[in-house]
Amino acid sequence: MTNRRRTTPDLDPNDRLLTYDQAAEILNTSPRFPRRLVEERRILFVRVGRFNRIPESALREFITAGVVEPVTLHSITPRRAA
């Protein structure tokens, strides 16, 4: 049997741990959405006893990762009629 060592991300001890309801309020979604993010392992979370909590910094990173830059159109040439 191999000895696997877990690596833990560096968490700020002052980082707020959010409930699903609190995370949903920040994301302006239902609590089901952050719960699904945790279930699908798409966001970092912390187990506190039997509860899952989302660090506020992880929520900010998730939001930042989803930012889409606007497309700037330089010049649009009109199509010619066939």
N, C-alpha and C. Protein backbone atom coordinates (compact mmCIF):
# COMPACT_ATOMS: atom_id res chain seq x y z
N MET A 1 0.84 -1.17 0.00
CA MET A 1 0.00 0.00 0.00
C MET A 1 0.89 1.25 0.00
N THR A 2 0.58 2.21 -0.86
CA THR A 2 1.39 3.41 -0.95
C THR A 2 0.92 4.43 0.07
N ASN A 3 1.86 5.19 0.55
CA ASN A 3 1.54 6.24 1.51
C ASN A 3 1.26 7.52 0.73
N ARG A 4 0.01 7.91 0.66
CA ARG A 4 -0.35 9.12 -0.06
C ARG A 4 -0.45 10.28 0.91
N ARG A 5 0.22 11.32 0.60
CA ARG A 5 0.18 12.49 1.46
C ARG A 5 -0.75 13.53 0.85
N ARG A 6 -1.66 14.02 1.65
CA ARG A 6 -2.59 15.03 1.18
C ARG A 6 -1.91 16.40 1.20
N THR A 7 -2.16 17.16 0.18
CA THR A 7 -1.70 18.54 0.18
C THR A 7 -2.92 19.41 0.45
N THR A 8 -2.77 20.30 1.37
CA THR A 8 -3.88 21.18 1.70
C THR A 8 -3.57 22.58 1.21
N PRO A 9 -4.56 23.23 0.63
CA PRO A 9 -4.34 24.60 0.18
C PRO A 9 -4.15 25.51 1.39
N ASP A 10 -3.41 26.58 1.18
CA ASP A 10 -3.21 27.54 2.27
C ASP A 10 -4.48 28.36 2.44
N LEU A 11 -5.09 28.21 3.59
CA LEU A 11 -6.29 28.97 3.90
C LEU A 11 -5.93 30.06 4.90
N ASP A 12 -6.43 31.23 4.65
CA ASP A 12 -6.24 32.34 5.58
C ASP A 12 -7.09 32.07 6.82
N PRO A 13 -6.50 32.06 8.00
CA PRO A 13 -7.30 31.79 9.20
C PRO A 13 -8.38 32.83 9.46
N ASN A 14 -8.25 34.01 8.85
CA ASN A 14 -9.25 35.07 9.01
C ASN A 14 -10.33 35.00 7.93
N ASP A 15 -10.22 34.04 7.02
CA ASP A 15 -11.18 33.88 5.93
C ASP A 15 -12.53 33.42 6.48
N ARG A 16 -13.60 34.09 6.11
CA ARG A 16 -14.93 33.68 6.56
C ARG A 16 -15.33 32.39 5.88
N LEU A 17 -15.94 31.49 6.63
CA LEU A 17 -16.47 30.26 6.07
C LEU A 17 -17.97 30.45 5.89
N LEU A 18 -18.43 30.38 4.65
CA LEU A 18 -19.81 30.70 4.31
C LEU A 18 -20.68 29.46 4.22
N THR A 19 -21.92 29.60 4.65
CA THR A 19 -22.91 28.54 4.45
C THR A 19 -23.37 28.60 3.00
N TYR A 20 -24.13 27.59 2.59
CA TYR A 20 -24.69 27.60 1.24
C TYR A 20 -25.58 28.82 1.03
N ASP A 21 -26.37 29.17 2.03
CA ASP A 21 -27.26 30.33 1.91
C ASP A 21 -26.47 31.63 1.74
N GLN A 22 -25.39 31.78 2.51
CA GLN A 22 -24.58 32.99 2.40
C GLN A 22 -23.87 33.06 1.05
N ALA A 23 -23.35 31.93 0.58
CA ALA A 23 -22.69 31.90 -0.73
C ALA A 23 -23.69 32.19 -1.83
N ALA A 24 -24.90 31.66 -1.70
CA ALA A 24 -25.94 31.89 -2.71
C ALA A 24 -26.33 33.36 -2.76
N GLU A 25 -26.35 34.00 -1.60
CA GLU A 25 -26.70 35.42 -1.58
C GLU A 25 -25.65 36.24 -2.32
N ILE A 26 -24.37 35.92 -2.12
CA ILE A 26 -23.30 36.63 -2.82
C ILE A 26 -23.38 36.40 -4.33
N LEU A 27 -23.68 35.15 -4.72
CA LEU A 27 -23.77 34.80 -6.15
C LEU A 27 -25.10 35.19 -6.77
N ASN A 28 -26.06 35.59 -5.93
CA ASN A 28 -27.41 35.93 -6.38
C ASN A 28 -28.06 34.72 -7.07
N THR A 29 -27.97 33.57 -6.41
CA THR A 29 -28.55 32.33 -6.91
C THR A 29 -29.32 31.67 -5.77
N SER A 30 -29.89 30.52 -6.06
CA SER A 30 -30.51 29.73 -5.00
C SER A 30 -29.41 28.97 -4.26
N PRO A 31 -29.67 28.50 -3.04
CA PRO A 31 -28.65 27.73 -2.30
C PRO A 31 -28.28 26.42 -3.00
N ARG A 32 -29.11 25.97 -3.90
CA ARG A 32 -28.82 24.73 -4.63
C ARG A 32 -27.56 24.87 -5.48
N PHE A 33 -27.29 26.04 -6.04
CA PHE A 33 -26.14 26.22 -6.92
C PHE A 33 -24.80 26.04 -6.19
N PRO A 34 -24.55 26.73 -5.06
CA PRO A 34 -23.29 26.46 -4.35
C PRO A 34 -23.21 25.03 -3.83
N ARG A 35 -24.33 24.45 -3.46
CA ARG A 35 -24.33 23.05 -3.01
C ARG A 35 -23.88 22.14 -4.15
N ARG A 36 -24.35 22.43 -5.35
CA ARG A 36 -23.95 21.62 -6.51
C ARG A 36 -22.48 21.83 -6.85
N LEU A 37 -21.98 23.06 -6.70
CA LEU A 37 -20.55 23.32 -6.93
C LEU A 37 -19.69 22.45 -6.01
N VAL A 38 -20.12 22.32 -4.77
CA VAL A 38 -19.38 21.49 -3.81
C VAL A 38 -19.51 20.02 -4.18
N GLU A 39 -20.72 19.57 -4.50
CA GLU A 39 -20.93 18.17 -4.84
C GLU A 39 -20.11 17.75 -6.05
N GLU A 40 -19.98 18.66 -7.02
CA GLU A 40 -19.23 18.37 -8.24
C GLU A 40 -17.74 18.69 -8.09
N ARG A 41 -17.32 19.12 -6.90
CA ARG A 41 -15.92 19.46 -6.60
C ARG A 41 -15.40 20.55 -7.54
N ARG A 42 -16.26 21.53 -7.84
CA ARG A 42 -15.87 22.64 -8.72
C ARG A 42 -15.40 23.85 -7.93
N ILE A 43 -15.50 23.78 -6.61
CA ILE A 43 -15.07 24.88 -5.75
C ILE A 43 -14.47 24.28 -4.48
N LEU A 44 -13.50 24.98 -3.93
CA LEU A 44 -12.87 24.55 -2.69
C LEU A 44 -13.88 24.67 -1.55
N PHE A 45 -13.90 23.69 -0.67
CA PHE A 45 -14.77 23.77 0.50
C PHE A 45 -14.08 23.15 1.69
N VAL A 46 -14.61 23.44 2.87
CA VAL A 46 -14.04 22.96 4.12
C VAL A 46 -15.12 22.18 4.85
N ARG A 47 -14.73 21.02 5.39
CA ARG A 47 -15.65 20.25 6.22
C ARG A 47 -15.48 20.69 7.66
N VAL A 48 -16.57 21.08 8.27
CA VAL A 48 -16.59 21.45 9.68
C VAL A 48 -17.58 20.50 10.34
N GLY A 49 -17.05 19.44 10.91
CA GLY A 49 -17.93 18.39 11.43
C GLY A 49 -18.68 17.74 10.29
N ARG A 50 -19.98 17.79 10.34
CA ARG A 50 -20.78 17.23 9.25
C ARG A 50 -21.24 18.29 8.25
N PHE A 51 -20.76 19.52 8.44
CA PHE A 51 -21.18 20.62 7.58
C PHE A 51 -20.09 20.97 6.58
N ASN A 52 -20.50 21.43 5.41
CA ASN A 52 -19.59 21.95 4.41
C ASN A 52 -19.68 23.46 4.43
N ARG A 53 -18.53 24.10 4.37
CA ARG A 53 -18.48 25.56 4.31
C ARG A 53 -17.57 25.97 3.16
N ILE A 54 -17.90 27.08 2.54
CA ILE A 54 -17.13 27.60 1.41
C ILE A 54 -16.35 28.82 1.89
N PRO A 55 -15.01 28.78 1.81
CA PRO A 55 -14.24 29.97 2.20
C PRO A 55 -14.56 31.13 1.26
N GLU A 56 -14.65 32.30 1.83
CA GLU A 56 -14.98 33.49 1.04
C GLU A 56 -13.97 33.71 -0.08
N SER A 57 -12.69 33.41 0.18
CA SER A 57 -11.66 33.58 -0.85
C SER A 57 -11.89 32.61 -2.01
N ALA A 58 -12.36 31.40 -1.72
CA ALA A 58 -12.63 30.42 -2.79
C ALA A 58 -13.79 30.90 -3.65
N LEU A 59 -14.77 31.53 -3.02
CA LEU A 59 -15.91 32.06 -3.78
C LEU A 59 -15.46 33.20 -4.69
N ARG A 60 -14.58 34.07 -4.16
CA ARG A 60 -14.05 35.16 -4.98
C ARG A 60 -13.24 34.61 -6.16
N GLU A 61 -12.43 33.56 -5.92
CA GLU A 61 -11.67 32.94 -7.02
C GLU A 61 -12.59 32.33 -8.06
N PHE A 62 -13.67 31.70 -7.61
CA PHE A 62 -14.63 31.11 -8.54
C PHE A 62 -15.25 32.19 -9.42
N ILE A 63 -15.61 33.31 -8.82
CA ILE A 63 -16.20 34.42 -9.57
C ILE A 63 -15.19 34.98 -10.56
N THR A 64 -13.95 35.17 -10.11
CA THR A 64 -12.90 35.72 -10.98
C THR A 64 -12.63 34.79 -12.16
N ALA A 65 -12.64 33.49 -11.92
CA ALA A 65 -12.38 32.52 -12.99
C ALA A 65 -13.47 32.54 -14.05
N GLY A 66 -14.66 32.99 -13.69
CA GLY A 66 -15.76 33.01 -14.64
C GLY A 66 -15.92 34.31 -15.39
N VAL A 67 -15.03 35.28 -15.14
CA VAL A 67 -15.13 36.57 -15.81
C VAL A 67 -14.79 36.41 -17.28
N VAL A 68 -15.66 36.96 -18.12
CA VAL A 68 -15.46 36.91 -19.57
C VAL A 68 -15.25 38.33 -20.06
N GLU A 69 -14.14 38.54 -20.73
CA GLU A 69 -13.83 39.87 -21.26
C GLU A 69 -14.75 40.19 -22.43
N PRO A 70 -15.15 41.46 -22.57
CA PRO A 70 -16.00 41.82 -23.69
C PRO A 70 -15.24 41.78 -25.01
N VAL A 71 -15.96 41.50 -26.06
CA VAL A 71 -15.37 41.46 -27.40
C VAL A 71 -15.48 42.86 -27.98
N THR A 72 -14.36 43.35 -28.53
CA THR A 72 -14.40 44.66 -29.18
C THR A 72 -14.34 44.44 -30.68
N LEU A 73 -15.28 45.01 -31.35
CA LEU A 73 -15.34 44.89 -32.81
C LEU A 73 -14.62 46.09 -33.41
N HIS A 74 -13.66 45.81 -34.28
CA HIS A 74 -12.87 46.90 -34.87
C HIS A 74 -13.65 47.58 -35.99
N SER A 75 -13.81 46.91 -37.05
CA SER A 75 -14.59 47.49 -38.14
C SER A 75 -15.43 46.37 -38.77
N ILE A 76 -16.64 46.69 -38.99
CA ILE A 76 -17.53 45.72 -39.57
C ILE A 76 -17.76 46.12 -41.03
N THR A 77 -17.43 45.20 -41.92
CA THR A 77 -17.65 45.49 -43.33
C THR A 77 -19.01 44.92 -43.72
N PRO A 78 -19.81 45.73 -44.40
CA PRO A 78 -21.14 45.24 -44.78
C PRO A 78 -21.05 44.12 -45.82
N ARG A 79 -21.96 43.21 -45.71
CA ARG A 79 -21.98 42.11 -46.69
C ARG A 79 -22.58 42.62 -48.00
N ARG A 80 -22.02 42.10 -49.06
CA ARG A 80 -22.53 42.47 -50.39
C ARG A 80 -23.71 41.60 -50.75
N ALA A 81 -24.65 42.19 -51.38
CA ALA A 81 -25.81 41.41 -51.85
C ALA A 81 -25.39 40.55 -53.02
N ALA A 82 -25.82 39.32 -53.02
CA ALA A 82 -25.43 38.39 -54.08
C ALA A 82 -26.22 38.59 -55.34
